[in-house]
C-alpha atoms as a PDB file:
ATOM      1  CA  UNK A   1      53.086-127.628 197.458  1.00  0.00           C
ATOM      2  CA  UNK A   2      54.862-129.210 194.133  1.00  0.00           C
ATOM      3  CA  UNK A   3      57.860-128.161 195.314  1.00  0.00           C
ATOM      4  CA  UNK A   4      57.200-129.672 198.644  1.00  0.00           C
ATOM      5  CA  UNK A   5      55.754-132.381 197.784  1.00  0.00           C
ATOM      6  CA  UNK A   6      59.476-132.878 194.929  1.00  0.00           C
ATOM      7  CA  UNK A   7      61.875-131.534 198.390  1.00  0.00           C
ATOM      8  CA  UNK A   8      60.029-134.395 199.969  1.00  0.00           C
ATOM      9  CA  UNK A   9      60.312-137.387 197.471  1.00  0.00           C
ATOM     10  CA  UNK A  10      64.477-136.429 196.791  1.00  0.00           C
ATOM     11  CA  UNK A  11      64.586-136.602 201.000  1.00  0.00           C
ATOM     12  CA  UNK A  12      62.413-140.009 201.020  1.00  0.00           C
ATOM     13  CA  UNK A  13      65.214-141.396 198.557  1.00  0.00           C
ATOM     14  CA  UNK A  14      67.710-140.853 199.920  1.00  0.00           C
ATOM     15  CA  UNK A  15      66.572-141.818 203.835  1.00  0.00           C
ATOM     16  CA  UNK A  16      66.332-145.078 201.935  1.00  0.00           C
ATOM     17  CA  UNK A  17      70.180-144.828 201.016  1.00  0.00           C
ATOM     18  CA  UNK A  18      72.997-145.825 203.438  1.00  0.00           C
ATOM     19  CA  UNK A  19      75.812-143.264 203.477  1.00  0.00           C
ATOM     20  CA  UNK A  20      78.353-145.449 201.556  1.00  0.00           C
ATOM     21  CA  UNK A  21      75.395-145.363 199.103  1.00  0.00           C
ATOM     22  CA  UNK A  22      75.289-142.067 198.880  1.00  0.00           C
ATOM     23  CA  UNK A  23      79.458-141.516 198.449  1.00  0.00           C
ATOM     24  CA  UNK A  24      79.355-143.840 195.525  1.00  0.00           C
ATOM     25  CA  UNK A  25      76.929-142.046 193.500  1.00  0.00           C
ATOM     26  CA  UNK A  26      78.468-141.143 190.572  1.00  0.00           C
ATOM     27  CA  UNK A  27      77.874-139.805 186.942  1.00  0.00           C
ATOM     28  CA  UNK A  28      78.790-141.041 183.537  1.00  0.00           C
ATOM     29  CA  UNK A  29      80.202-139.246 180.798  1.00  0.00           C
ATOM     30  CA  UNK A  30      80.158-140.838 177.114  1.00  0.00           C
ATOM     31  CA  UNK A  31      82.982-140.191 175.252  1.00  0.00           C
ATOM     32  CA  UNK A  32      83.088-138.705 171.852  1.00  0.00           C
ATOM     33  CA  UNK A  33      83.462-141.233 169.238  1.00  0.00           C
ATOM     34  CA  UNK A  34      87.117-142.595 168.788  1.00  0.00           C
ATOM     35  CA  UNK A  35      88.425-143.552 165.358  1.00  0.00           C
ATOM     36  CA  UNK A  36      90.774-146.006 164.132  1.00  0.00           C
ATOM     37  CA  UNK A  37      91.558-146.721 160.528  1.00  0.00           C
ATOM     38  CA  UNK A  38      93.074-149.570 159.890  1.00  0.00           C
ATOM     39  CA  UNK A  39      93.639-151.833 156.434  1.00  0.00           C
ATOM     40  CA  UNK A  40      93.201-155.468 155.341  1.00  0.00           C
ATOM     41  CA  UNK A  41      95.898-156.389 153.278  1.00  0.00           C
ATOM     42  CA  UNK A  42      94.971-158.933 150.845  1.00  0.00           C
ATOM     43  CA  UNK A  43      96.331-162.150 152.146  1.00  0.00           C
ATOM     44  CA  UNK A  44      96.077-166.305 150.665  1.00  0.00           C
ATOM     45  CA  UNK A  45      95.437-167.638 154.462  1.00  0.00           C
ATOM     46  CA  UNK A  46      93.097-169.130 156.006  1.00  0.00           C
ATOM     47  CA  UNK A  47      92.282-169.054 159.078  1.00  0.00           C
ATOM     48  CA  UNK A  48      92.780-167.496 162.662  1.00  0.00           C
ATOM     49  CA  UNK A  49      95.037-164.267 161.719  1.00  0.00           C
ATOM     50  CA  UNK A  50      96.255-160.858 162.856  1.00  0.00           C
ATOM     51  CA  UNK A  51      94.500-158.453 160.652  1.00  0.00           C
ATOM     52  CA  UNK A  52      95.961-155.164 161.759  1.00  0.00           C
ATOM     53  CA  UNK A  53      97.528-153.014 164.389  1.00  0.00           C
ATOM     54  CA  UNK A  54      97.121-149.876 165.239  1.00  0.00           C
ATOM     55  CA  UNK A  55      98.857-147.556 167.582  1.00  0.00           C
ATOM     56  CA  UNK A  56      96.681-145.063 169.618  1.00  0.00           C
ATOM     57  CA  UNK A  57      97.660-142.080 170.929  1.00  0.00           C
ATOM     58  CA  UNK A  58      94.843-141.758 174.355  1.00  0.00           C
ATOM     59  CA  UNK A  59      92.960-138.621 174.198  1.00  0.00           C
ATOM     60  CA  UNK A  60      91.197-138.991 177.687  1.00  0.00           C
ATOM     61  CA  UNK A  61      92.350-136.311 179.445  1.00  0.00           C
ATOM     62  CA  UNK A  62      90.468-133.471 176.938  1.00  0.00           C
ATOM     63  CA  UNK A  63      87.667-135.712 177.078  1.00  0.00           C
ATOM     64  CA  UNK A  64      87.557-136.005 181.027  1.00  0.00           C
ATOM     65  CA  UNK A  65      88.164-132.061 181.054  1.00  0.00           C
ATOM     66  CA  UNK A  66      85.069-130.878 178.548  1.00  0.00           C
ATOM     67  CA  UNK A  67      83.041-132.528 180.882  1.00  0.00           C
ATOM     68  CA  UNK A  68      84.413-130.825 183.967  1.00  0.00           C
ATOM     69  CA  UNK A  69      85.915-134.297 185.348  1.00  0.00           C
ATOM     70  CA  UNK A  70      89.168-135.357 186.006  1.00  0.00           C
ATOM     71  CA  UNK A  71      91.013-137.904 186.139  1.00  0.00           C
ATOM     72  CA  UNK A  72      91.134-138.776 190.113  1.00  0.00           C
ATOM     73  CA  UNK A  73      86.950-139.101 189.655  1.00  0.00           C
ATOM     74  CA  UNK A  74      87.433-141.798 186.990  1.00  0.00           C
ATOM     75  CA  UNK A  75      86.245-145.105 188.383  1.00  0.00           C
ATOM     76  CA  UNK A  76      85.625-147.037 185.672  1.00  0.00           C
ATOM     77  CA  UNK A  77      86.036-146.524 181.533  1.00  0.00           C
ATOM     78  CA  UNK A  78      84.016-149.074 179.435  1.00  0.00           C
ATOM     79  CA  UNK A  79      83.551-149.744 175.580  1.00  0.00           C
ATOM     80  CA  UNK A  80      80.070-148.895 174.736  1.00  0.00           C
ATOM     81  CA  UNK A  81      80.022-149.112 171.589  1.00  0.00           C
ATOM     82  CA  UNK A  82      81.712-150.664 168.694  1.00  0.00           C
ATOM     83  CA  UNK A  83      81.179-150.431 164.919  1.00  0.00           C
ATOM     84  CA  UNK A  84      83.370-151.053 162.017  1.00  0.00           C
ATOM     85  CA  UNK A  85      83.051-150.385 158.588  1.00  0.00           C
ATOM     86  CA  UNK A  86      84.465-151.198 155.143  1.00  0.00           C
ATOM     87  CA  UNK A  87      85.103-147.504 153.768  1.00  0.00           C
ATOM     88  CA  UNK A  88      86.411-148.740 150.033  1.00  0.00           C
ATOM     89  CA  UNK A  89      84.448-147.046 147.135  1.00  0.00           C
ATOM     90  CA  UNK A  90      84.200-150.331 145.687  1.00  0.00           C
ATOM     91  CA  UNK A  91      80.824-151.024 147.375  1.00  0.00           C
ATOM     92  CA  UNK A  92      81.155-154.850 146.427  1.00  0.00           C
ATOM     93  CA  UNK A  93      83.491-155.492 149.359  1.00  0.00           C
ATOM     94  CA  UNK A  94      81.892-157.208 152.222  1.00  0.00           C
ATOM     95  CA  UNK A  95      83.003-159.361 155.453  1.00  0.00           C
ATOM     96  CA  UNK A  96      82.076-161.763 153.457  1.00  0.00           C
ATOM     97  CA  UNK A  97      85.716-162.834 153.535  1.00  0.00           C
ATOM     98  CA  UNK A  98      85.345-163.434 157.575  1.00  0.00           C
ATOM     99  CA  UNK A  99      83.563-166.075 159.918  1.00  0.00           C
ATOM    100  CA  UNK A 100      84.589-163.799 162.481  1.00  0.00           C
ATOM    101  CA  UNK A 101      86.502-160.938 163.594  1.00  0.00           C
ATOM    102  CA  UNK A 102      87.081-159.000 166.864  1.00  0.00           C
ATOM    103  CA  UNK A 103      89.050-155.637 168.253  1.00  0.00           C
ATOM    104  CA  UNK A 104      91.567-156.161 170.911  1.00  0.00           C
ATOM    105  CA  UNK A 105      93.399-153.368 173.499  1.00  0.00           C
ATOM    106  CA  UNK A 106      97.430-153.756 174.476  1.00  0.00           C
ATOM    107  CA  UNK A 107      99.165-151.734 176.429  1.00  0.00           C
ATOM    108  CA  UNK A 108     102.848-152.518 177.321  1.00  0.00           C
ATOM    109  CA  UNK A 109     103.133-154.459 180.471  1.00  0.00           C
ATOM    110  CA  UNK A 110      99.557-155.642 180.580  1.00  0.00           C
ATOM    111  CA  UNK A 111      97.678-158.614 179.296  1.00  0.00           C
ATOM    112  CA  UNK A 112      95.747-158.259 175.532  1.00  0.00           C
ATOM    113  CA  UNK A 113      92.369-157.712 176.696  1.00  0.00           C
ATOM    114  CA  UNK A 114      89.675-158.651 173.795  1.00  0.00           C
ATOM    115  CA  UNK A 115      87.023-155.082 173.871  1.00  0.00           C
ATOM    116  CA  UNK A 116      84.577-156.123 170.778  1.00  0.00           C
ATOM    117  CA  UNK A 117      83.528-159.357 168.768  1.00  0.00           C
ATOM    118  CA  UNK A 118      81.479-160.326 166.654  1.00  0.00           C
ATOM    119  CA  UNK A 119      81.250-163.964 166.228  1.00  0.00           C
ATOM    120  CA  UNK A 120      78.658-164.918 162.928  1.00  0.00           C
ATOM    121  CA  UNK A 121      79.212-162.247 159.734  1.00  0.00           C
ATOM    122  CA  UNK A 122      76.305-161.520 157.936  1.00  0.00           C
ATOM    123  CA  UNK A 123      76.265-162.174 154.079  1.00  0.00           C
ATOM    124  CA  UNK A 124      76.897-158.920 152.564  1.00  0.00           C
ATOM    125  CA  UNK A 125      77.729-156.693 155.703  1.00  0.00           C
ATOM    126  CA  UNK A 126      79.821-153.951 154.598  1.00  0.00           C
ATOM    127  CA  UNK A 127      79.114-152.430 158.557  1.00  0.00           C
ATOM    128  CA  UNK A 128      78.716-154.706 161.596  1.00  0.00           C
ATOM    129  CA  UNK A 129      77.815-153.667 165.091  1.00  0.00           C
ATOM    130  CA  UNK A 130      80.183-155.672 167.610  1.00  0.00           C
ATOM    131  CA  UNK A 131      79.547-157.283 170.863  1.00  0.00           C
ATOM    132  CA  UNK A 132      81.619-155.074 173.790  1.00  0.00           C
ATOM    133  CA  UNK A 133      83.078-156.033 176.583  1.00  0.00           C
ATOM    134  CA  UNK A 134      82.279-154.940 180.215  1.00  0.00           C
ATOM    135  CA  UNK A 135      86.138-154.956 180.938  1.00  0.00           C
ATOM    136  CA  UNK A 136      87.332-151.955 182.975  1.00  0.00           C
ATOM    137  CA  UNK A 137      89.737-149.895 180.671  1.00  0.00           C
ATOM    138  CA  UNK A 138      90.864-147.567 182.978  1.00  0.00           C
ATOM    139  CA  UNK A 139      94.627-149.068 182.963  1.00  0.00           C
ATOM    140  CA  UNK A 140      94.194-149.140 178.986  1.00  0.00           C
ATOM    141  CA  UNK A 141      93.564-146.218 177.689  1.00  0.00           C
ATOM    142  CA  UNK A 142      94.029-143.322 180.279  1.00  0.00           C
ATOM    143  CA  UNK A 143      98.176-144.564 179.051  1.00  0.00           C
ATOM    144  CA  UNK A 144      99.465-142.226 176.268  1.00  0.00           C
ATOM    145  CA  UNK A 145      99.905-144.287 173.767  1.00  0.00           C
ATOM    146  CA  UNK A 146      97.952-148.409 173.368  1.00  0.00           C
ATOM    147  CA  UNK A 147      97.319-150.846 170.456  1.00  0.00           C
ATOM    148  CA  UNK A 148      94.171-152.130 168.977  1.00  0.00           C
ATOM    149  CA  UNK A 149      94.206-155.059 167.462  1.00  0.00           C
ATOM    150  CA  UNK A 150      91.872-156.469 164.561  1.00  0.00           C
ATOM    151  CA  UNK A 151      91.664-159.764 164.532  1.00  0.00           C
ATOM    152  CA  UNK A 152      89.722-162.585 162.368  1.00  0.00           C
ATOM    153  CA  UNK A 153      89.498-166.275 160.810  1.00  0.00           C
ATOM    154  CA  UNK A 154      89.140-165.669 157.146  1.00  0.00           C
ATOM    155  CA  UNK A 155      86.804-168.574 154.854  1.00  0.00           C
ATOM    156  CA  UNK A 156      88.653-167.256 151.856  1.00  0.00           C
ATOM    157  CA  UNK A 157      91.008-165.632 150.113  1.00  0.00           C
ATOM    158  CA  UNK A 158      91.323-161.606 150.494  1.00  0.00           C
ATOM    159  CA  UNK A 159      91.842-160.489 147.141  1.00  0.00           C
ATOM    160  CA  UNK A 160      92.045-156.272 147.773  1.00  0.00           C
ATOM    161  CA  UNK A 161      92.991-154.190 150.148  1.00  0.00           C
ATOM    162  CA  UNK A 162      90.349-153.427 152.596  1.00  0.00           C
ATOM    163  CA  UNK A 163      89.310-150.155 154.307  1.00  0.00           C
ATOM    164  CA  UNK A 164      88.172-150.264 157.295  1.00  0.00           C
ATOM    165  CA  UNK A 165      86.919-147.277 159.732  1.00  0.00           C
ATOM    166  CA  UNK A 166      86.325-148.328 163.086  1.00  0.00           C
ATOM    167  CA  UNK A 167      84.241-146.225 165.439  1.00  0.00           C
ATOM    168  CA  UNK A 168      84.310-146.599 169.559  1.00  0.00           C
ATOM    169  CA  UNK A 169      82.286-144.906 172.060  1.00  0.00           C
ATOM    170  CA  UNK A 170      83.594-145.386 176.151  1.00  0.00           C
ATOM    171  CA  UNK A 171      81.388-144.908 179.110  1.00  0.00           C
ATOM    172  CA  UNK A 172      83.221-142.854 181.688  1.00  0.00           C
ATOM    173  CA  UNK A 173      81.926-143.674 185.095  1.00  0.00           C
ATOM    174  CA  UNK A 174      83.102-140.938 187.699  1.00  0.00           C
ATOM    175  CA  UNK A 175      82.608-139.610 191.333  1.00  0.00           C
ATOM    176  CA  UNK A 176      80.613-136.728 192.822  1.00  0.00           C
ATOM    177  CA  UNK A 177      84.147-135.809 194.793  1.00  0.00           C
ATOM    178  CA  UNK A 178      82.292-136.662 197.957  1.00  0.00           C
ATOM    179  CA  UNK A 179      84.370-137.061 201.125  1.00  0.00           C
ATOM    180  CA  UNK A 180      83.393-138.140 204.419  1.00  0.00           C
ATOM    181  CA  UNK A 181      85.657-136.827 207.404  1.00  0.00           C
END
């Protein structure tokens, strides 16, 4: 009897949807974490500056393959999480050198796109969870190579090299592959 009730519930839900809605049903897949390591070099400059640029090799084909999805099935890719942390052994090094930080993505022939920001940095922080952009990154991360650009507004001199680890996690939305003839 319960099976019959479940079947009627599912049929009821689908009957409320238009054909177009049913064709737009999708699957959301989370990527494995992508790690970006970079260094912020010592500087006596105070103000807005580019901190580092890192060329990245795209590995989305293997992530899609693991999920059983082809690149043609992908509707959009967005950044779901972004975390940066200072990984120097010296635990006295913090993000106190900065008022704000951001990360952008760049691909040859396309505009640079801000993907993550921290507008107010807590005193003594060694790890920051970033606010992420909802922009579609499909055209940026499915090319063979893209560049991540770290920027910041320094408020005091940086006297030592900062080793930074950035961790990015993406959300990949796909079609179910239904076709209407």
